[in-house]
Amino acid sequence: MPQATSLFTDVESNVVGTSAVVIYSPSGKASRTRFPEGVVEVYASEDEARAHADPEKSRHAAIASGPSRSSEGFKMFYLVRWLD
């Protein structure tokens, strides 16, 4: 039986996956665990996400699951861990 890579990932499906991302979060890294798709940029690798991060401009590299449709109908990404 395959192992799940995170709480939000179904390894047998392409519906929701885990990706390296840069999240724009002006309120900082500690305040939230879910982010709307409009503030998330997906990259091919952790190294690429780190290269595009700029903490001084509130752009933080992370691993996130998503996008997944929320109960409100928005596409959301869920933080797995910060990279920077």
C-alpha atoms as a PDB file:
ATOM      1  CA  MET A   1       0.000   0.000   0.000  1.00  0.00           C
ATOM      2  CA  PRO A   2       1.472   3.431  -0.939  1.00  0.00           C
ATOM      3  CA  GLN A   3       2.339   5.905   1.826  1.00  0.00           C
ATOM      4  CA  ALA A   4       0.819   9.356   1.919  1.00  0.00           C
ATOM      5  CA  THR A   5       3.357  12.176   1.608  1.00  0.00           C
ATOM      6  CA  SER A   6       1.211  14.601   3.633  1.00  0.00           C
ATOM      7  CA  LEU A   7      -2.152  14.847   5.278  1.00  0.00           C
ATOM      8  CA  PHE A   8      -3.588  16.587   2.207  1.00  0.00           C
ATOM      9  CA  THR A   9      -2.080  14.453  -0.572  1.00  0.00           C
ATOM     10  CA  ASP A  10      -3.622  11.422  -2.212  1.00  0.00           C
ATOM     11  CA  VAL A  11      -0.651   9.690  -3.849  1.00  0.00           C
ATOM     12  CA  GLU A  12      -2.937   7.761  -6.217  1.00  0.00           C
ATOM     13  CA  SER A  13      -4.608  10.908  -7.572  1.00  0.00           C
ATOM     14  CA  ASN A  14      -3.564  14.062  -9.407  1.00  0.00           C
ATOM     15  CA  VAL A  15      -6.364  16.117  -7.844  1.00  0.00           C
ATOM     16  CA  VAL A  16      -4.350  17.587  -4.936  1.00  0.00           C
ATOM     17  CA  GLY A  17      -0.590  17.426  -4.714  1.00  0.00           C
ATOM     18  CA  THR A  18       2.271  18.809  -2.691  1.00  0.00           C
ATOM     19  CA  SER A  19       4.463  21.441  -4.369  1.00  0.00           C
ATOM     20  CA  ALA A  20       7.299  23.839  -3.746  1.00  0.00           C
ATOM     21  CA  VAL A  21       5.780  27.319  -3.655  1.00  0.00           C
ATOM     22  CA  VAL A  22       6.379  30.946  -2.789  1.00  0.00           C
ATOM     23  CA  ILE A  23       3.664  32.458  -0.617  1.00  0.00           C
ATOM     24  CA  TYR A  24       3.057  36.192  -0.334  1.00  0.00           C
ATOM     25  CA  SER A  25       2.222  36.722   3.347  1.00  0.00           C
ATOM     26  CA  PRO A  26       2.578  40.299   4.601  1.00  0.00           C
ATOM     27  CA  SER A  27       1.407  39.262   8.084  1.00  0.00           C
ATOM     28  CA  GLY A  28       4.364  36.889   8.448  1.00  0.00           C
ATOM     29  CA  LYS A  29       4.919  33.168   8.434  1.00  0.00           C
ATOM     30  CA  ALA A  30       3.425  32.191  11.796  1.00  0.00           C
ATOM     31  CA  SER A  31      -0.094  33.559  11.468  1.00  0.00           C
ATOM     32  CA  ARG A  32      -1.756  31.249   8.898  1.00  0.00           C
ATOM     33  CA  THR A  33      -1.741  27.696   7.582  1.00  0.00           C
ATOM     34  CA  ARG A  34      -3.949  28.114   4.511  1.00  0.00           C
ATOM     35  CA  PHE A  35      -3.605  30.562   1.650  1.00  0.00           C
ATOM     36  CA  PRO A  36      -5.782  31.463  -1.359  1.00  0.00           C
ATOM     37  CA  GLU A  37      -4.338  30.601  -4.762  1.00  0.00           C
ATOM     38  CA  GLY A  38      -3.896  34.295  -5.599  1.00  0.00           C
ATOM     39  CA  VAL A  39      -0.979  34.640  -3.156  1.00  0.00           C
ATOM     40  CA  VAL A  40       0.765  31.354  -4.072  1.00  0.00           C
ATOM     41  CA  GLU A  41       3.222  30.747  -6.924  1.00  0.00           C
ATOM     42  CA  VAL A  42       4.077  27.109  -7.714  1.00  0.00           C
ATOM     43  CA  TYR A  43       7.633  26.135  -8.709  1.00  0.00           C
ATOM     44  CA  ALA A  44       9.211  22.949 -10.026  1.00  0.00           C
ATOM     45  CA  SER A  45      11.572  22.417  -7.081  1.00  0.00           C
ATOM     46  CA  GLU A  46      12.445  23.555  -3.563  1.00  0.00           C
ATOM     47  CA  ASP A  47      15.605  25.204  -4.909  1.00  0.00           C
ATOM     48  CA  GLU A  48      13.609  27.189  -7.465  1.00  0.00           C
ATOM     49  CA  ALA A  49      11.111  28.314  -4.806  1.00  0.00           C
ATOM     50  CA  ARG A  50      13.965  29.398  -2.516  1.00  0.00           C
ATOM     51  CA  ALA A  51      15.536  31.354  -5.397  1.00  0.00           C
ATOM     52  CA  HIS A  52      12.273  33.300  -5.954  1.00  0.00           C
ATOM     53  CA  ALA A  53      11.590  33.946  -2.250  1.00  0.00           C
ATOM     54  CA  ASP A  54      12.219  37.403  -0.825  1.00  0.00           C
ATOM     55  CA  PRO A  55      11.356  37.559   2.900  1.00  0.00           C
ATOM     56  CA  GLU A  56      11.952  41.329   2.960  1.00  0.00           C
ATOM     57  CA  LYS A  57       9.061  41.626   0.485  1.00  0.00           C
ATOM     58  CA  SER A  58       6.889  39.080   2.383  1.00  0.00           C
ATOM     59  CA  ARG A  59       7.554  36.314  -0.193  1.00  0.00           C
ATOM     60  CA  HIS A  60       8.365  33.068   1.626  1.00  0.00           C
ATOM     61  CA  ALA A  61       9.386  29.683   0.189  1.00  0.00           C
ATOM     62  CA  ALA A  62       7.352  26.731   1.415  1.00  0.00           C
ATOM     63  CA  ILE A  63       5.984  23.288   0.707  1.00  0.00           C
ATOM     64  CA  ALA A  64       2.210  23.349   0.377  1.00  0.00           C
ATOM     65  CA  SER A  65      -0.608  21.007  -0.593  1.00  0.00           C
ATOM     66  CA  GLY A  66      -3.155  22.176  -3.084  1.00  0.00           C
ATOM     67  CA  PRO A  67      -4.946  23.682  -4.671  1.00  0.00           C
ATOM     68  CA  SER A  68      -7.997  22.295  -2.973  1.00  0.00           C
ATOM     69  CA  ARG A  69     -11.465  23.830  -3.097  1.00  0.00           C
ATOM     70  CA  SER A  70     -12.534  25.203   0.294  1.00  0.00           C
ATOM     71  CA  SER A  71     -16.052  24.993   1.690  1.00  0.00           C
ATOM     72  CA  GLU A  72     -16.465  28.640   0.621  1.00  0.00           C
ATOM     73  CA  GLY A  73     -15.658  27.695  -2.989  1.00  0.00           C
ATOM     74  CA  PHE A  74     -12.149  29.191  -3.134  1.00  0.00           C
ATOM     75  CA  LYS A  75      -9.043  27.307  -4.245  1.00  0.00           C
ATOM     76  CA  MET A  76      -6.691  27.100  -1.255  1.00  0.00           C
ATOM     77  CA  PHE A  77      -3.167  25.897  -0.563  1.00  0.00           C
ATOM     78  CA  TYR A  78      -2.368  24.347   2.825  1.00  0.00           C
ATOM     79  CA  LEU A  79       1.044  24.898   4.393  1.00  0.00           C
ATOM     80  CA  VAL A  80       3.084  21.741   4.985  1.00  0.00           C
ATOM     81  CA  ARG A  81       6.321  23.507   6.029  1.00  0.00           C
ATOM     82  CA  TRP A  82       8.295  26.681   5.431  1.00  0.00           C
ATOM     83  CA  LEU A  83      11.578  26.408   3.519  1.00  0.00           C
ATOM     84  CA  ASP A  84      13.133  29.734   4.555  1.00  0.00           C
END
